[in-house]
Amino acid sequence: MLARNSRDRAHAEMAKPRVLPIRENRKAALDYWIRFCRSPGVLAHRSQMMSKDRAELLGNRAHDGIVATIDASRLGGYLLANAADQLVAADKSGWQQTAEALAVGYLGSELMRHLRERSPQLYCRQNNHDLYYIAFHAVLAGLRLWPEADCLGRHLMNFWLARGVDNGLREQDDFLGFYWYLMRAQYRGEWPAPAELDPSELGDFYPLFETAGKPQKFRSALVEYCDFRLARMHEYPSQRATRRYPEPHTDALTYGPLLLLPAELLAFKAIYERVSGDRCDLQGEHPLLENIAFDPPEGLGLPENDLTAATEETGKAVYGADWRPGALVEVRFDDPPTLPP
């Protein structure tokens, strides 16, 4: 979905290696995706899409809300993917690129939120950019940009609760459970109690919750999780699997903007520390943990530029006085959701 087109192009240039067992091939497994994300096919496709979306967003004189929603959301996703490439390369300018990506991408999510609030039944349907919104929320929370993260978090909670998310991630129950508990903790201001967590539902995400607040055990769980994440990136169900999924899978953690940026861990750390008052260190001996993405700068804000101005203008034109980016909407539907069997 998010990166499938560019991924398919690049597969013609590069043969996917056999990387298992993951523990013995961690660096090779990660290096493959770094090379992939910087391969000519991917870069050309990304550049082409960004140029198209930028031109359409800035040229949207009629203030077509759907056009602006699509272009701002997708452009933010591609910009975030570029920023992740820079961070993995230890280029600190990637943080400013991250802020620029979030600025326009967040407003794209606001356009979709306003549309869904006007027609709540749309929460029951996935749109092609909801995976981008998950990525934006993870990074916003990870950078502790709480006004935007809280607003987008409630939007996504309604999307989860109305079962719209099931349309696009029905085979990712473990991820759905993981992210649901993170968003609910952020919303409620309290960390889930152990009795609330179902290991069978959360799978390889469960040890992160179970060991939070136990530094030594958490460090071991974190390294194990990183192996799991690398395995999923290579389309294995887990680091213990011996065969890949029979068909390509797309989930919010391992494709598109978050492929090289494990922002779900930044979000986990930030939300845990916010609601518990305790520390959560993302330190461990693993290639995924050895980049500057886990040392974000303080005081990073979302800039205003021609892209955000154009998106804001469309929001005002379409929604008038109802255009209120950052407003905290009611969490509706059922609580908690019933995840699909």
C-alpha atoms as a PDB file:
ATOM      1  CA  MET A   1       0.000   0.000   0.000  1.00  0.00           C
ATOM      2  CA  LEU A   2       2.145   2.912   1.265  1.00  0.00           C
ATOM      3  CA  ALA A   3       5.331   1.901  -0.476  1.00  0.00           C
ATOM      4  CA  ARG A   4       4.264  -1.104  -2.493  1.00  0.00           C
ATOM      5  CA  ASN A   5       4.555   0.577  -5.892  1.00  0.00           C
ATOM      6  CA  SER A   6       8.066   1.831  -5.263  1.00  0.00           C
ATOM      7  CA  ARG A   7       8.989  -1.432  -3.560  1.00  0.00           C
ATOM      8  CA  ASP A   8       7.873  -3.440  -6.576  1.00  0.00           C
ATOM      9  CA  ARG A   9       9.962  -1.242  -8.872  1.00  0.00           C
ATOM     10  CA  ALA A  10      13.021  -1.659  -6.724  1.00  0.00           C
ATOM     11  CA  HIS A  11      12.629  -5.409  -6.543  1.00  0.00           C
ATOM     12  CA  ALA A  12      13.457  -5.462 -10.231  1.00  0.00           C
ATOM     13  CA  GLU A  13      16.817  -3.905  -9.326  1.00  0.00           C
ATOM     14  CA  MET A  14      17.606  -5.882  -6.182  1.00  0.00           C
ATOM     15  CA  ALA A  15      16.967  -9.460  -5.151  1.00  0.00           C
ATOM     16  CA  LYS A  16      15.690  -9.771  -1.594  1.00  0.00           C
ATOM     17  CA  PRO A  17      18.237 -11.798   0.389  1.00  0.00           C
ATOM     18  CA  ARG A  18      17.489 -14.617   2.762  1.00  0.00           C
ATOM     19  CA  VAL A  19      18.252 -13.017   6.118  1.00  0.00           C
ATOM     20  CA  LEU A  20      17.255 -15.610   8.675  1.00  0.00           C
ATOM     21  CA  PRO A  21      18.189 -16.351  11.347  1.00  0.00           C
ATOM     22  CA  ILE A  22      17.731 -12.691  12.208  1.00  0.00           C
ATOM     23  CA  ARG A  23      20.052 -12.703  15.217  1.00  0.00           C
ATOM     24  CA  GLU A  24      22.976 -13.663  12.999  1.00  0.00           C
ATOM     25  CA  ASN A  25      22.010 -11.292  10.204  1.00  0.00           C
ATOM     26  CA  ARG A  26      20.757  -8.168  11.957  1.00  0.00           C
ATOM     27  CA  LYS A  27      23.000  -5.737  10.138  1.00  0.00           C
ATOM     28  CA  ALA A  28      22.497  -7.427   6.772  1.00  0.00           C
ATOM     29  CA  ALA A  29      18.729  -7.355   7.287  1.00  0.00           C
ATOM     30  CA  LEU A  30      18.747  -3.642   8.072  1.00  0.00           C
ATOM     31  CA  ASP A  31      21.310  -2.752   5.406  1.00  0.00           C
ATOM     32  CA  TYR A  32      19.125  -4.354   2.758  1.00  0.00           C
ATOM     33  CA  TRP A  33      16.317  -1.914   3.497  1.00  0.00           C
ATOM     34  CA  ILE A  34      18.678   1.046   3.714  1.00  0.00           C
ATOM     35  CA  ARG A  35      19.957   0.194   0.230  1.00  0.00           C
ATOM     36  CA  PHE A  36      16.423  -0.380  -0.977  1.00  0.00           C
ATOM     37  CA  CYS A  37      15.162   2.983   0.278  1.00  0.00           C
ATOM     38  CA  ARG A  38      18.049   4.712  -1.494  1.00  0.00           C
ATOM     39  CA  SER A  39      17.861   2.707  -4.707  1.00  0.00           C
ATOM     40  CA  PRO A  40      17.281   4.661  -7.938  1.00  0.00           C
ATOM     41  CA  GLY A  41      13.787   3.284  -8.499  1.00  0.00           C
ATOM     42  CA  VAL A  42      12.535   4.237  -5.048  1.00  0.00           C
ATOM     43  CA  LEU A  43      14.140   7.683  -5.063  1.00  0.00           C
ATOM     44  CA  ALA A  44      12.813   8.483  -8.534  1.00  0.00           C
ATOM     45  CA  HIS A  45       9.293   7.369  -7.628  1.00  0.00           C
ATOM     46  CA  ARG A  46       9.326   9.308  -4.364  1.00  0.00           C
ATOM     47  CA  SER A  47      10.629  12.458  -6.045  1.00  0.00           C
ATOM     48  CA  GLN A  48       8.029  12.208  -8.792  1.00  0.00           C
ATOM     49  CA  MET A  49       5.169  11.804  -6.313  1.00  0.00           C
ATOM     50  CA  MET A  50       6.386  14.651  -4.100  1.00  0.00           C
ATOM     51  CA  SER A  51       6.645  17.018  -7.072  1.00  0.00           C
ATOM     52  CA  LYS A  52       3.138  16.071  -8.198  1.00  0.00           C
ATOM     53  CA  ASP A  53       1.587  16.436  -4.738  1.00  0.00           C
ATOM     54  CA  ARG A  54       3.380  19.702  -4.033  1.00  0.00           C
ATOM     55  CA  ALA A  55       2.224  21.226  -7.332  1.00  0.00           C
ATOM     56  CA  GLU A  56      -1.373  20.090  -6.821  1.00  0.00           C
ATOM     57  CA  LEU A  57      -1.491  21.309  -3.228  1.00  0.00           C
ATOM     58  CA  LEU A  58      -0.102  24.758  -4.085  1.00  0.00           C
ATOM     59  CA  GLY A  59      -2.229  25.001  -7.232  1.00  0.00           C
ATOM     60  CA  ASN A  60      -5.523  24.039  -5.570  1.00  0.00           C
ATOM     61  CA  ARG A  61      -7.142  27.423  -6.214  1.00  0.00           C
ATOM     62  CA  ALA A  62     -10.639  25.963  -6.080  1.00  0.00           C
ATOM     63  CA  HIS A  63      -9.942  24.647  -2.576  1.00  0.00           C
ATOM     64  CA  ASP A  64     -11.009  21.109  -3.348  1.00  0.00           C
ATOM     65  CA  GLY A  65     -10.991  19.446   0.077  1.00  0.00           C
ATOM     66  CA  ILE A  66     -10.433  15.920  -1.184  1.00  0.00           C
ATOM     67  CA  VAL A  67      -7.486  16.955  -3.346  1.00  0.00           C
ATOM     68  CA  ALA A  68      -5.911  18.814  -0.429  1.00  0.00           C
ATOM     69  CA  THR A  69      -6.467  15.891   1.952  1.00  0.00           C
ATOM     70  CA  ILE A  70      -4.838  13.411  -0.402  1.00  0.00           C
ATOM     71  CA  ASP A  71      -1.926  15.623  -1.408  1.00  0.00           C
ATOM     72  CA  ALA A  72      -1.061  16.937   2.072  1.00  0.00           C
ATOM     73  CA  SER A  73      -1.269  13.477   3.649  1.00  0.00           C
ATOM     74  CA  ARG A  74       0.727  11.687   0.991  1.00  0.00           C
ATOM     75  CA  LEU A  75       3.289  14.471   0.671  1.00  0.00           C
ATOM     76  CA  GLY A  76       3.823  14.392   4.430  1.00  0.00           C
ATOM     77  CA  GLY A  77       4.397  10.639   4.223  1.00  0.00           C
ATOM     78  CA  TYR A  78       6.989  10.869   1.476  1.00  0.00           C
ATOM     79  CA  LEU A  79       8.740  13.759   3.225  1.00  0.00           C
ATOM     80  CA  LEU A  80       8.851  11.706   6.415  1.00  0.00           C
ATOM     81  CA  ALA A  81      10.397   8.795   4.516  1.00  0.00           C
ATOM     82  CA  ASN A  82      13.082  11.175   3.221  1.00  0.00           C
ATOM     83  CA  ALA A  83      13.687  12.433   6.740  1.00  0.00           C
ATOM     84  CA  ALA A  84      14.062   8.876   8.034  1.00  0.00           C
ATOM     85  CA  ASP A  85      16.716   8.240   5.379  1.00  0.00           C
ATOM     86  CA  GLN A  86      18.653  11.263   6.638  1.00  0.00           C
ATOM     87  CA  LEU A  87      18.398  10.224  10.286  1.00  0.00           C
ATOM     88  CA  VAL A  88      19.612   6.713   9.532  1.00  0.00           C
ATOM     89  CA  ALA A  89      22.576   8.334   7.772  1.00  0.00           C
ATOM     90  CA  ALA A  90      23.282  10.306  10.999  1.00  0.00           C
ATOM     91  CA  ASP A  91      22.412  13.577   9.247  1.00  0.00           C
ATOM     92  CA  LYS A  92      20.932  15.880  11.885  1.00  0.00           C
ATOM     93  CA  SER A  93      19.193  17.943   9.211  1.00  0.00           C
ATOM     94  CA  GLY A  94      16.755  15.030   9.128  1.00  0.00           C
ATOM     95  CA  TRP A  95      15.095  16.437  12.231  1.00  0.00           C
ATOM     96  CA  GLN A  96      14.124  19.660  10.456  1.00  0.00           C
ATOM     97  CA  GLN A  97      12.894  17.582   7.529  1.00  0.00           C
ATOM     98  CA  THR A  98      10.876  15.534  10.018  1.00  0.00           C
ATOM     99  CA  ALA A  99       9.237  18.702  11.347  1.00  0.00           C
ATOM    100  CA  GLU A 100       8.429  19.895   7.816  1.00  0.00           C
ATOM    101  CA  ALA A 101       6.932  16.510   6.970  1.00  0.00           C
ATOM    102  CA  LEU A 102       4.776  16.487  10.097  1.00  0.00           C
ATOM    103  CA  ALA A 103       3.602  20.063   9.553  1.00  0.00           C
ATOM    104  CA  VAL A 104       1.926  19.368   6.230  1.00  0.00           C
ATOM    105  CA  GLY A 105       1.046  15.741   6.997  1.00  0.00           C
ATOM    106  CA  TYR A 106      -0.680  16.656  10.247  1.00  0.00           C
ATOM    107  CA  LEU A 107      -2.854  19.225   8.468  1.00  0.00           C
ATOM    108  CA  GLY A 108      -3.749  16.545   5.927  1.00  0.00           C
ATOM    109  CA  SER A 109      -4.944  14.385   8.832  1.00  0.00           C
ATOM    110  CA  GLU A 110      -6.929  17.352  10.147  1.00  0.00           C
ATOM    111  CA  LEU A 111      -8.744  17.665   6.830  1.00  0.00           C
ATOM    112  CA  MET A 112      -9.670  13.985   7.072  1.00  0.00           C
ATOM    113  CA  ARG A 113     -10.699  14.340  10.717  1.00  0.00           C
ATOM    114  CA  HIS A 114     -12.973  17.270   9.879  1.00  0.00           C
ATOM    115  CA  LEU A 115     -14.529  15.249   7.056  1.00  0.00           C
ATOM    116  CA  ARG A 116     -15.130  12.299   9.387  1.00  0.00           C
ATOM    117  CA  GLU A 117     -16.569  14.489  12.116  1.00  0.00           C
ATOM    118  CA  ARG A 118     -19.012  15.901   9.574  1.00  0.00           C
ATOM    119  CA  SER A 119     -19.897  12.349   8.458  1.00  0.00           C
ATOM    120  CA  PRO A 120     -19.009  10.005  11.373  1.00  0.00           C
ATOM    121  CA  GLN A 121     -19.832   6.891   9.359  1.00  0.00           C
ATOM    122  CA  LEU A 122     -16.575   7.551   7.492  1.00  0.00           C
ATOM    123  CA  TYR A 123     -14.735   6.414  10.624  1.00  0.00           C
ATOM    124  CA  CYS A 124     -15.960   2.932   9.678  1.00  0.00           C
ATOM    125  CA  ARG A 125     -14.059   3.009   6.403  1.00  0.00           C
ATOM    126  CA  GLN A 126     -10.345   3.074   5.795  1.00  0.00           C
ATOM    127  CA  ASN A 127      -8.942   5.639   3.419  1.00  0.00           C
ATOM    128  CA  ASN A 128      -5.632   5.105   1.675  1.00  0.00           C
ATOM    129  CA  HIS A 129      -3.802   7.523   3.947  1.00  0.00           C
ATOM    130  CA  ASP A 130      -4.740   6.242   7.408  1.00  0.00           C
ATOM    131  CA  LEU A 131      -1.414   4.422   7.594  1.00  0.00           C
ATOM    132  CA  TYR A 132       0.275   7.780   7.111  1.00  0.00           C
ATOM    133  CA  TYR A 133      -1.731   9.169  10.030  1.00  0.00           C
ATOM    134  CA  ILE A 134      -0.524   6.329  12.245  1.00  0.00           C
ATOM    135  CA  ALA A 135       3.029   7.231  11.253  1.00  0.00           C
ATOM    136  CA  PHE A 136       2.460  10.932  11.933  1.00  0.00           C
ATOM    137  CA  HIS A 137       0.951  10.184  15.344  1.00  0.00           C
ATOM    138  CA  ALA A 138       3.845   7.932  16.321  1.00  0.00           C
ATOM    139  CA  VAL A 139       6.413  10.616  15.466  1.00  0.00           C
ATOM    140  CA  LEU A 140       4.390  13.470  16.986  1.00  0.00           C
ATOM    141  CA  ALA A 141       4.072  11.542  20.244  1.00  0.00           C
ATOM    142  CA  GLY A 142       7.706  10.468  20.098  1.00  0.00           C
ATOM    143  CA  LEU A 143       8.777  14.103  19.748  1.00  0.00           C
ATOM    144  CA  ARG A 144       6.329  15.046  22.543  1.00  0.00           C
ATOM    145  CA  LEU A 145       4.392  17.444  20.348  1.00  0.00           C
ATOM    146  CA  TRP A 146       1.403  16.720  22.551  1.00  0.00           C
ATOM    147  CA  PRO A 147      -1.258  19.153  21.263  1.00  0.00           C
ATOM    148  CA  GLU A 148      -1.072  17.629  17.789  1.00  0.00           C
ATOM    149  CA  ALA A 149      -0.448  14.081  19.055  1.00  0.00           C
ATOM    150  CA  ASP A 150      -3.447  14.238  21.417  1.00  0.00           C
ATOM    151  CA  CYS A 151      -5.731  15.505  18.671  1.00  0.00           C
ATOM    152  CA  LEU A 152      -4.621  12.961  16.092  1.00  0.00           C
ATOM    153  CA  GLY A 153      -4.656  10.228  18.737  1.00  0.00           C
ATOM    154  CA  ARG A 154      -8.373  10.768  19.366  1.00  0.00           C
ATOM    155  CA  HIS A 155      -9.036  10.762  15.632  1.00  0.00           C
ATOM    156  CA  LEU A 156      -7.291   7.399  15.374  1.00  0.00           C
ATOM    157  CA  MET A 157      -9.056   6.013  18.457  1.00  0.00           C
ATOM    158  CA  ASN A 158     -12.385   6.661  16.754  1.00  0.00           C
ATOM    159  CA  PHE A 159     -11.040   5.001  13.622  1.00  0.00           C
ATOM    160  CA  TRP A 160     -10.034   1.956  15.711  1.00  0.00           C
ATOM    161  CA  LEU A 161     -13.309   1.879  17.649  1.00  0.00           C
ATOM    162  CA  ALA A 162     -15.490   2.151  14.547  1.00  0.00           C
ATOM    163  CA  ARG A 163     -13.549  -0.805  13.080  1.00  0.00           C
ATOM    164  CA  GLY A 164     -12.438   1.180  10.043  1.00  0.00           C
ATOM    165  CA  VAL A 165      -8.883   0.077  10.721  1.00  0.00           C
ATOM    166  CA  ASP A 166      -9.864  -3.562  10.191  1.00  0.00           C
ATOM    167  CA  ASN A 167     -10.320  -2.947   6.466  1.00  0.00           C
ATOM    168  CA  GLY A 168      -6.626  -2.305   5.918  1.00  0.00           C
ATOM    169  CA  LEU A 169      -4.835  -4.091   8.759  1.00  0.00           C
ATOM    170  CA  ARG A 170      -7.082  -7.075   9.412  1.00  0.00           C
ATOM    171  CA  GLU A 171      -4.094  -9.444   9.443  1.00  0.00           C
ATOM    172  CA  GLN A 172      -2.106  -7.330  11.885  1.00  0.00           C
ATOM    173  CA  ASP A 173      -4.021  -7.990  15.110  1.00  0.00           C
ATOM    174  CA  ASP A 174      -0.873  -7.786  17.239  1.00  0.00           C
ATOM    175  CA  PHE A 175      -0.056  -4.325  15.902  1.00  0.00           C
ATOM    176  CA  LEU A 176      -3.671  -3.181  16.283  1.00  0.00           C
ATOM    177  CA  GLY A 177      -3.606  -4.239  19.927  1.00  0.00           C
ATOM    178  CA  PHE A 178      -0.203  -2.647  20.568  1.00  0.00           C
ATOM    179  CA  TYR A 179      -1.180   0.681  19.117  1.00  0.00           C
ATOM    180  CA  TRP A 180      -4.624   0.654  20.719  1.00  0.00           C
ATOM    181  CA  TYR A 181      -3.132   0.331  24.203  1.00  0.00           C
ATOM    182  CA  LEU A 182      -0.664   3.134  23.469  1.00  0.00           C
ATOM    183  CA  MET A 183      -3.390   5.496  22.290  1.00  0.00           C
ATOM    184  CA  ARG A 184      -5.674   4.568  25.173  1.00  0.00           C
ATOM    185  CA  ALA A 185      -2.866   5.191  27.682  1.00  0.00           C
ATOM    186  CA  GLN A 186      -2.260   8.587  26.110  1.00  0.00           C
ATOM    187  CA  TYR A 187      -5.983   9.385  26.219  1.00  0.00           C
ATOM    188  CA  ARG A 188      -6.634   8.154  29.749  1.00  0.00           C
ATOM    189  CA  GLY A 189      -3.361   9.317  31.241  1.00  0.00           C
ATOM    190  CA  GLU A 190      -2.650   5.918  32.779  1.00  0.00           C
ATOM    191  CA  TRP A 191      -0.616   2.892  31.739  1.00  0.00           C
ATOM    192  CA  PRO A 192      -2.568  -0.359  31.172  1.00  0.00           C
ATOM    193  CA  ALA A 193      -2.584  -2.704  34.126  1.00  0.00           C
ATOM    194  CA  PRO A 194      -1.032  -6.160  33.540  1.00  0.00           C
ATOM    195  CA  ALA A 195      -4.440  -7.799  33.898  1.00  0.00           C
ATOM    196  CA  GLU A 196      -5.719  -5.771  30.936  1.00  0.00           C
ATOM    197  CA  LEU A 197      -3.066  -7.094  28.556  1.00  0.00           C
ATOM    198  CA  ASP A 198      -3.632 -10.285  26.593  1.00  0.00           C
ATOM    199  CA  PRO A 199      -0.344 -11.929  25.524  1.00  0.00           C
ATOM    200  CA  SER A 200      -2.115 -13.883  22.781  1.00  0.00           C
ATOM    201  CA  GLU A 201      -3.536 -10.664  21.362  1.00  0.00           C
ATOM    202  CA  LEU A 202      -0.300  -8.671  21.522  1.00  0.00           C
ATOM    203  CA  GLY A 203       2.116 -11.422  20.495  1.00  0.00           C
ATOM    204  CA  ASP A 204       5.679 -10.148  20.232  1.00  0.00           C
ATOM    205  CA  PHE A 205       4.583  -6.670  21.300  1.00  0.00           C
ATOM    206  CA  TYR A 206       3.501  -7.942  24.725  1.00  0.00           C
ATOM    207  CA  PRO A 207       6.959  -8.084  26.388  1.00  0.00           C
ATOM    208  CA  LEU A 208       7.421  -4.328  25.883  1.00  0.00           C
ATOM    209  CA  PHE A 209       4.338  -3.664  28.000  1.00  0.00           C
ATOM    210  CA  GLU A 210       5.040  -6.469  30.465  1.00  0.00           C
ATOM    211  CA  THR A 211       8.599  -5.286  31.219  1.00  0.00           C
ATOM    212  CA  ALA A 212       8.026  -1.510  31.162  1.00  0.00           C
ATOM    213  CA  GLY A 213       9.321  -0.179  34.474  1.00  0.00           C
ATOM    214  CA  LYS A 214      11.794  -3.069  34.840  1.00  0.00           C
ATOM    215  CA  PRO A 215      14.929  -1.664  33.165  1.00  0.00           C
ATOM    216  CA  GLN A 216      17.006  -4.838  32.824  1.00  0.00           C
ATOM    217  CA  LYS A 217      14.123  -6.975  31.594  1.00  0.00           C
ATOM    218  CA  PHE A 218      12.943  -4.186  29.318  1.00  0.00           C
ATOM    219  CA  ARG A 219      16.353  -3.928  27.670  1.00  0.00           C
ATOM    220  CA  SER A 220      16.237  -7.640  26.804  1.00  0.00           C
ATOM    221  CA  ALA A 221      12.658  -7.317  25.575  1.00  0.00           C
ATOM    222  CA  LEU A 222      13.637  -4.304  23.480  1.00  0.00           C
ATOM    223  CA  VAL A 223      16.416  -6.176  21.662  1.00  0.00           C
ATOM    224  CA  GLU A 224      14.077  -9.124  21.084  1.00  0.00           C
ATOM    225  CA  TYR A 225      11.445  -6.738  19.738  1.00  0.00           C
ATOM    226  CA  CYS A 226      13.956  -5.242  17.308  1.00  0.00           C
ATOM    227  CA  ASP A 227      14.642  -8.737  15.965  1.00  0.00           C
ATOM    228  CA  PHE A 228      10.896  -9.191  15.571  1.00  0.00           C
ATOM    229  CA  ARG A 229      10.622  -5.889  13.733  1.00  0.00           C
ATOM    230  CA  LEU A 230      13.437  -6.794  11.342  1.00  0.00           C
ATOM    231  CA  ALA A 231      11.739 -10.105  10.647  1.00  0.00           C
ATOM    232  CA  ARG A 232       8.454  -8.340   9.853  1.00  0.00           C
ATOM    233  CA  MET A 233      10.308  -5.916   7.586  1.00  0.00           C
ATOM    234  CA  HIS A 234      11.417  -8.948   5.601  1.00  0.00           C
ATOM    235  CA  GLU A 235       7.877 -10.354   5.591  1.00  0.00           C
ATOM    236  CA  TYR A 236       8.411 -13.099   8.164  1.00  0.00           C
ATOM    237  CA  PRO A 237       5.646 -13.335  10.812  1.00  0.00           C
ATOM    238  CA  SER A 238       8.299 -13.264  13.550  1.00  0.00           C
ATOM    239  CA  GLN A 239      12.005 -13.745  14.201  1.00  0.00           C
ATOM    240  CA  ARG A 240      11.260 -17.393  14.911  1.00  0.00           C
ATOM    241  CA  ALA A 241       9.522 -18.056  11.594  1.00  0.00           C
ATOM    242  CA  THR A 242      11.252 -20.063   8.896  1.00  0.00           C
ATOM    243  CA  ARG A 243       9.020 -18.987   6.007  1.00  0.00           C
ATOM    244  CA  ARG A 244       7.818 -15.609   4.827  1.00  0.00           C
ATOM    245  CA  TYR A 245       4.167 -14.698   4.526  1.00  0.00           C
ATOM    246  CA  PRO A 246       2.716 -16.263   1.368  1.00  0.00           C
ATOM    247  CA  GLU A 247       1.784 -12.766   0.092  1.00  0.00           C
ATOM    248  CA  PRO A 248       3.332  -9.324   0.731  1.00  0.00           C
ATOM    249  CA  HIS A 249       2.065  -7.701   3.921  1.00  0.00           C
ATOM    250  CA  THR A 250       1.777  -4.011   4.636  1.00  0.00           C
ATOM    251  CA  ASP A 251       1.590  -2.648   8.171  1.00  0.00           C
ATOM    252  CA  ALA A 252       2.243   0.738   9.661  1.00  0.00           C
ATOM    253  CA  LEU A 253       5.464  -0.289  11.378  1.00  0.00           C
ATOM    254  CA  THR A 254       7.429  -1.787   8.571  1.00  0.00           C
ATOM    255  CA  TYR A 255       6.608  -0.016   5.312  1.00  0.00           C
ATOM    256  CA  GLY A 256       6.448   3.510   4.017  1.00  0.00           C
ATOM    257  CA  PRO A 257       7.434   6.359   6.346  1.00  0.00           C
ATOM    258  CA  LEU A 258       8.249   4.122   9.306  1.00  0.00           C
ATOM    259  CA  LEU A 259      10.306   1.504   7.511  1.00  0.00           C
ATOM    260  CA  LEU A 260      13.656   2.862   8.739  1.00  0.00           C
ATOM    261  CA  LEU A 261      12.267   4.940  11.613  1.00  0.00           C
ATOM    262  CA  PRO A 262      11.017   2.799  14.544  1.00  0.00           C
ATOM    263  CA  ALA A 263       8.925   5.696  15.822  1.00  0.00           C
ATOM    264  CA  GLU A 264       6.547   3.315  17.593  1.00  0.00           C
ATOM    265  CA  LEU A 265       9.351   2.902  20.142  1.00  0.00           C
ATOM    266  CA  LEU A 266       9.725   6.664  20.517  1.00  0.00           C
ATOM    267  CA  ALA A 267       5.955   6.870  21.021  1.00  0.00           C
ATOM    268  CA  PHE A 268       6.049   4.007  23.542  1.00  0.00           C
ATOM    269  CA  LYS A 269       8.792   5.747  25.529  1.00  0.00           C
ATOM    270  CA  ALA A 270       7.148   9.189  25.438  1.00  0.00           C
ATOM    271  CA  ILE A 271       3.665   7.991  26.360  1.00  0.00           C
ATOM    272  CA  TYR A 272       4.953   5.695  29.110  1.00  0.00           C
ATOM    273  CA  GLU A 273       7.028   8.477  30.655  1.00  0.00           C
ATOM    274  CA  ARG A 274       4.183  10.969  30.344  1.00  0.00           C
ATOM    275  CA  VAL A 275       1.566   8.842  32.084  1.00  0.00           C
ATOM    276  CA  SER A 276       3.740   6.934  34.588  1.00  0.00           C
ATOM    277  CA  GLY A 277       6.333   9.533  35.534  1.00  0.00           C
ATOM    278  CA  ASP A 278       9.050   6.854  35.246  1.00  0.00           C
ATOM    279  CA  ARG A 279      11.929   6.606  32.776  1.00  0.00           C
ATOM    280  CA  CYS A 280      12.012   4.314  29.775  1.00  0.00           C
ATOM    281  CA  ASP A 281      15.416   3.963  28.102  1.00  0.00           C
ATOM    282  CA  LEU A 282      15.672   2.786  24.515  1.00  0.00           C
ATOM    283  CA  GLN A 283      19.148   1.367  24.840  1.00  0.00           C
ATOM    284  CA  GLY A 284      20.359  -1.991  23.639  1.00  0.00           C
ATOM    285  CA  GLU A 285      22.844  -3.719  21.394  1.00  0.00           C
ATOM    286  CA  HIS A 286      20.983  -3.796  18.127  1.00  0.00           C
ATOM    287  CA  PRO A 287      21.492  -2.003  14.771  1.00  0.00           C
ATOM    288  CA  LEU A 288      17.972  -0.584  14.841  1.00  0.00           C
ATOM    289  CA  LEU A 289      18.792   1.259  18.074  1.00  0.00           C
ATOM    290  CA  GLU A 290      22.084   2.696  16.874  1.00  0.00           C
ATOM    291  CA  ASN A 291      21.020   5.859  15.065  1.00  0.00           C
ATOM    292  CA  ILE A 292      20.223   9.432  15.984  1.00  0.00           C
ATOM    293  CA  ALA A 293      16.491   8.801  15.632  1.00  0.00           C
ATOM    294  CA  PHE A 294      16.586   7.717  19.279  1.00  0.00           C
ATOM    295  CA  ASP A 295      18.081  11.024  20.395  1.00  0.00           C
ATOM    296  CA  PRO A 296      15.541  13.610  19.198  1.00  0.00           C
ATOM    297  CA  PRO A 297      16.226  17.280  19.902  1.00  0.00           C
ATOM    298  CA  GLU A 298      14.161  19.200  22.410  1.00  0.00           C
ATOM    299  CA  GLY A 299      12.011  22.126  21.393  1.00  0.00           C
ATOM    300  CA  LEU A 300      11.305  20.959  17.854  1.00  0.00           C
ATOM    301  CA  GLY A 301       8.153  22.596  16.526  1.00  0.00           C
ATOM    302  CA  LEU A 302       6.053  22.388  13.380  1.00  0.00           C
ATOM    303  CA  PRO A 303       7.015  25.124  10.903  1.00  0.00           C
ATOM    304  CA  GLU A 304       4.687  27.239   8.790  1.00  0.00           C
ATOM    305  CA  ASN A 305       5.444  27.406   5.087  1.00  0.00           C
ATOM    306  CA  ASP A 306       3.738  27.667   1.709  1.00  0.00           C
ATOM    307  CA  LEU A 307       2.469  24.084   1.951  1.00  0.00           C
ATOM    308  CA  THR A 308       0.886  24.533   5.365  1.00  0.00           C
ATOM    309  CA  ALA A 309      -0.572  27.901   4.306  1.00  0.00           C
ATOM    310  CA  ALA A 310      -2.212  26.338   1.246  1.00  0.00           C
ATOM    311  CA  THR A 311      -3.630  23.487   3.331  1.00  0.00           C
ATOM    312  CA  GLU A 312      -4.942  25.882   5.982  1.00  0.00           C
ATOM    313  CA  GLU A 313      -6.602  28.012   3.315  1.00  0.00           C
ATOM    314  CA  THR A 314      -8.445  24.991   1.956  1.00  0.00           C
ATOM    315  CA  GLY A 315      -9.504  23.939   5.449  1.00  0.00           C
ATOM    316  CA  LYS A 316     -10.995  27.385   6.096  1.00  0.00           C
ATOM    317  CA  ALA A 317     -12.644  27.490   2.673  1.00  0.00           C
ATOM    318  CA  VAL A 318     -14.262  24.056   3.053  1.00  0.00           C
ATOM    319  CA  TYR A 319     -15.173  24.032   6.748  1.00  0.00           C
ATOM    320  CA  GLY A 320     -15.505  27.731   7.568  1.00  0.00           C
ATOM    321  CA  ALA A 321     -15.879  28.413  11.274  1.00  0.00           C
ATOM    322  CA  ASP A 322     -15.804  24.658  11.930  1.00  0.00           C
ATOM    323  CA  TRP A 323     -12.142  24.490  10.826  1.00  0.00           C
ATOM    324  CA  ARG A 324     -10.373  24.075  14.162  1.00  0.00           C
ATOM    325  CA  PRO A 325      -7.086  22.193  13.863  1.00  0.00           C
ATOM    326  CA  GLY A 326      -6.022  20.820  17.222  1.00  0.00           C
ATOM    327  CA  ALA A 327      -9.516  20.620  18.704  1.00  0.00           C
ATOM    328  CA  LEU A 328      -9.958  17.509  20.868  1.00  0.00           C
ATOM    329  CA  VAL A 329     -12.905  15.538  19.543  1.00  0.00           C
ATOM    330  CA  GLU A 330     -15.086  13.214  21.575  1.00  0.00           C
ATOM    331  CA  VAL A 331     -14.033   9.561  21.644  1.00  0.00           C
ATOM    332  CA  ARG A 332     -17.198   7.772  20.566  1.00  0.00           C
ATOM    333  CA  PHE A 333     -18.418   4.284  19.575  1.00  0.00           C
ATOM    334  CA  ASP A 334     -17.473   1.359  21.894  1.00  0.00           C
ATOM    335  CA  ASP A 335     -14.667   1.162  24.438  1.00  0.00           C
ATOM    336  CA  PRO A 336     -12.630  -0.987  24.272  1.00  0.00           C
ATOM    337  CA  PRO A 337     -12.841  -2.360  20.729  1.00  0.00           C
ATOM    338  CA  THR A 338     -13.210  -6.007  19.941  1.00  0.00           C
ATOM    339  CA  LEU A 339     -10.353  -6.976  17.660  1.00  0.00           C
ATOM    340  CA  PRO A 340     -11.165  -9.386  14.820  1.00  0.00           C
ATOM    341  CA  PRO A 341     -10.541 -13.093  15.469  1.00  0.00           C
END
